[in-house]
Amino acid sequence: MAASPSVPHTGLGLLGMTWRPQVTPDEQAFAAMKAAVECGATYWSSSSVYGMPPSQSPPKYPEDAPKVTLFIRACRDAATASPTCTRDGVRASWAECESFLGGVKKIDCFRPARIDPKVPVEETIGALKELQDEGKIGSIGLSEVRAETIRKASAVCPIRFAEIEFSL
């Protein structure tokens, strides 16, 4: 049996820094992210719809970018909270996320926040596969999906991660 790749025990979810009545000040958020890297919490989960748009200031600690594996949930209209999982919607969402990163970091795993029941999953995954084939994302993931959806998606392209959220 082949050994599976090692996965860190601790990651960092970035939702809590932005999606709250009082957004965490940038300096405090940057200090928390720096401490996470220093402690080995280098798997980071974020989303294009988490809180406020990023500031236009230069990125802090760009030297840490290669140390982090970045998972982005996207393909969602922030104003309506509806999925944007068409080919054009996936590509537009990727472009928006890429602009937030300012060329400092490539998205390691990109996935729709939710699958749009009105768009065939094959179309969504096909668009993600195009981005992967173009070298724009490292891998493809899914979030909040059933096993049947994973099977359909995997028929188009390998799915590297599936995320299921739960509340303690």
Protein backbone atom coordinates (compact mmCIF):
# COMPACT_ATOMS: atom_id res chain seq x y z
CA MET A 1 0.00 0.00 0.00
CA ALA A 2 1.40 3.39 -0.99
CA ALA A 3 1.96 5.93 1.74
CA SER A 4 -0.36 8.92 1.61
CA PRO A 5 1.12 12.43 1.56
CA SER A 6 1.66 14.03 4.93
CA VAL A 7 -0.94 16.61 5.92
CA PRO A 8 -0.26 19.15 8.68
CA HIS A 9 -2.33 18.75 11.81
CA THR A 10 -3.26 22.42 11.98
CA GLY A 11 -4.44 24.84 9.34
CA LEU A 12 -5.76 28.36 9.44
CA GLY A 13 -9.26 29.40 8.44
CA LEU A 14 -9.34 33.07 7.53
CA LEU A 15 -13.11 33.62 7.85
CA GLY A 16 -12.88 34.86 11.44
CA MET A 17 -10.65 37.77 10.45
CA THR A 18 -13.19 39.41 8.16
CA TRP A 19 -16.70 38.05 8.53
CA ARG A 20 -17.75 39.77 11.73
CA PRO A 21 -19.27 43.09 12.77
CA GLN A 22 -15.82 44.52 13.58
CA VAL A 23 -13.28 43.39 11.00
CA THR A 24 -9.89 42.45 12.44
CA PRO A 25 -7.44 45.30 11.77
CA ASP A 26 -4.90 44.45 9.05
CA GLU A 27 -1.90 44.59 11.39
CA GLN A 28 -3.55 42.16 13.81
CA ALA A 29 -4.56 39.81 10.98
CA PHE A 30 -1.05 39.93 9.47
CA ALA A 31 0.49 39.16 12.88
CA ALA A 32 -1.83 36.15 13.29
CA MET A 33 -0.97 34.86 9.81
CA LYS A 34 2.77 35.32 10.45
CA ALA A 35 2.47 33.43 13.75
CA ALA A 36 0.57 30.64 11.99
CA VAL A 37 3.39 30.19 9.48
CA GLU A 38 5.99 30.21 12.25
CA CYS A 39 4.02 27.51 14.11
CA GLY A 40 3.61 25.32 11.03
CA ALA A 41 -0.07 26.07 10.35
CA THR A 42 0.50 26.47 6.62
CA TYR A 43 -2.73 25.10 5.12
CA TRP A 44 -4.93 28.18 4.78
CA SER A 45 -8.59 28.24 3.82
CA SER A 46 -10.17 31.41 2.52
CA SER A 47 -12.93 32.59 0.22
CA SER A 48 -13.64 35.32 -2.27
CA VAL A 49 -16.72 36.23 -0.24
CA TYR A 50 -15.17 36.57 3.21
CA GLY A 51 -15.93 40.05 4.44
CA MET A 52 -14.32 43.19 3.11
CA PRO A 53 -12.33 43.41 -0.12
CA PRO A 54 -8.57 43.37 0.46
CA SER A 55 -6.70 46.61 0.93
CA GLN A 56 -4.63 47.88 -1.95
CA SER A 57 -1.49 48.11 0.19
CA PRO A 58 1.48 45.90 -0.76
CA PRO A 59 1.31 42.40 0.69
CA LYS A 60 2.96 41.95 4.05
CA TYR A 61 5.44 39.05 4.39
CA PRO A 62 5.51 38.02 0.70
CA GLU A 63 8.46 35.78 1.57
CA ASP A 64 6.03 33.52 3.44
CA ALA A 65 3.78 32.95 0.40
CA PRO A 66 5.67 29.85 -0.85
CA LYS A 67 5.35 28.27 2.61
CA VAL A 68 1.53 28.35 2.52
CA THR A 69 -0.86 26.00 0.74
CA LEU A 70 -3.82 28.19 -0.16
CA PHE A 71 -7.34 26.80 -0.55
CA ILE A 72 -9.88 29.25 -1.99
CA ARG A 73 -13.66 28.79 -2.06
CA ALA A 74 -15.20 31.03 -4.69
CA CYS A 75 -17.67 31.06 -7.60
CA ARG A 76 -20.27 32.84 -5.53
CA ASP A 77 -21.95 36.22 -5.97
CA ALA A 78 -21.34 38.09 -2.71
CA ALA A 79 -24.38 40.34 -3.13
CA THR A 80 -26.92 37.56 -3.73
CA ALA A 81 -25.07 34.61 -2.12
CA SER A 82 -25.88 32.62 -5.24
CA PRO A 83 -23.40 30.32 -6.99
CA THR A 84 -21.68 31.43 -10.20
CA CYS A 85 -20.66 28.02 -11.54
CA THR A 86 -20.96 28.50 -15.30
CA ARG A 87 -17.71 28.39 -17.28
CA ASP A 88 -17.66 32.20 -17.49
CA GLY A 89 -18.56 32.53 -13.80
CA VAL A 90 -15.75 30.19 -12.73
CA ARG A 91 -13.18 32.06 -14.83
CA ALA A 92 -14.39 35.48 -13.59
CA SER A 93 -14.25 34.29 -10.00
CA TRP A 94 -10.69 32.99 -10.47
CA ALA A 95 -9.65 36.32 -12.02
CA GLU A 96 -11.12 38.22 -9.07
CA CYS A 97 -9.26 36.03 -6.56
CA GLU A 98 -6.05 36.28 -8.54
CA SER A 99 -6.32 40.09 -8.48
CA PHE A 100 -6.69 39.98 -4.67
CA LEU A 101 -3.43 38.02 -4.44
CA GLY A 102 -1.57 40.54 -6.55
CA GLY A 103 0.71 37.98 -8.16
CA VAL A 104 2.35 37.09 -4.83
CA LYS A 105 0.74 33.66 -4.49
CA LYS A 106 -0.79 31.12 -6.86
CA ILE A 107 -4.00 29.45 -5.71
CA ASP A 108 -3.07 25.91 -4.72
CA CYS A 109 -6.62 24.56 -4.61
CA PHE A 110 -9.62 26.35 -6.11
CA ARG A 111 -13.20 25.24 -5.64
CA PRO A 112 -16.74 26.50 -5.83
CA ALA A 113 -18.20 27.42 -2.45
CA ARG A 114 -21.36 25.56 -3.45
CA ILE A 115 -22.37 23.72 -6.59
CA ASP A 116 -25.11 25.42 -8.60
CA PRO A 117 -27.95 22.93 -9.13
CA LYS A 118 -28.88 24.80 -12.36
CA VAL A 119 -25.43 24.23 -13.94
CA PRO A 120 -24.19 20.74 -14.78
CA VAL A 121 -21.29 19.88 -12.46
CA GLU A 122 -19.43 18.73 -15.57
CA GLU A 123 -19.45 22.33 -16.88
CA THR A 124 -18.14 23.70 -13.59
CA ILE A 125 -15.39 21.09 -13.28
CA GLY A 126 -14.54 21.49 -16.97
CA ALA A 127 -13.89 25.20 -16.38
CA LEU A 128 -11.76 24.41 -13.32
CA LYS A 129 -9.83 21.82 -15.35
CA GLU A 130 -9.11 24.48 -17.98
CA LEU A 131 -7.63 26.72 -15.26
CA GLN A 132 -5.57 23.81 -13.96
CA ASP A 133 -4.36 22.86 -17.44
CA GLU A 134 -3.35 26.52 -18.00
CA GLY A 135 -1.28 26.41 -14.79
CA LYS A 136 -3.47 28.99 -13.07
CA ILE A 137 -4.47 26.75 -10.15
CA GLY A 138 -2.75 23.77 -8.59
CA SER A 139 -5.70 21.48 -7.97
CA ILE A 140 -9.48 21.28 -7.85
CA GLY A 141 -11.66 20.79 -4.82
CA LEU A 142 -15.31 20.69 -3.92
CA SER A 143 -17.22 22.00 -0.93
CA GLU A 144 -20.47 20.79 0.60
CA VAL A 145 -21.25 18.10 -1.96
CA ARG A 146 -22.72 14.61 -1.99
CA ALA A 147 -20.88 11.47 -3.06
CA GLU A 148 -22.79 11.40 -6.36
CA THR A 149 -21.49 14.90 -7.20
CA ILE A 150 -17.92 13.84 -6.42
CA ARG A 151 -18.32 10.84 -8.74
CA LYS A 152 -19.63 13.02 -11.59
CA ALA A 153 -16.90 15.60 -11.05
CA SER A 154 -14.16 12.95 -10.89
CA ALA A 155 -15.24 11.63 -14.28
CA VAL A 156 -14.18 15.02 -15.74
CA CYS A 157 -11.02 15.62 -13.71
CA PRO A 158 -9.41 14.31 -10.51
CA ILE A 159 -10.74 16.03 -7.42
CA ARG A 160 -7.99 16.60 -4.86
CA PHE A 161 -10.04 17.76 -1.87
CA ALA A 162 -13.61 17.70 -0.65
CA GLU A 163 -14.54 19.94 2.23
CA ILE A 164 -17.51 19.38 4.47
CA GLU A 165 -18.19 22.02 7.08
CA PHE A 166 -19.63 21.15 10.46
CA SER A 167 -20.30 23.12 13.59
CA LEU A 168 -19.22 21.96 16.98
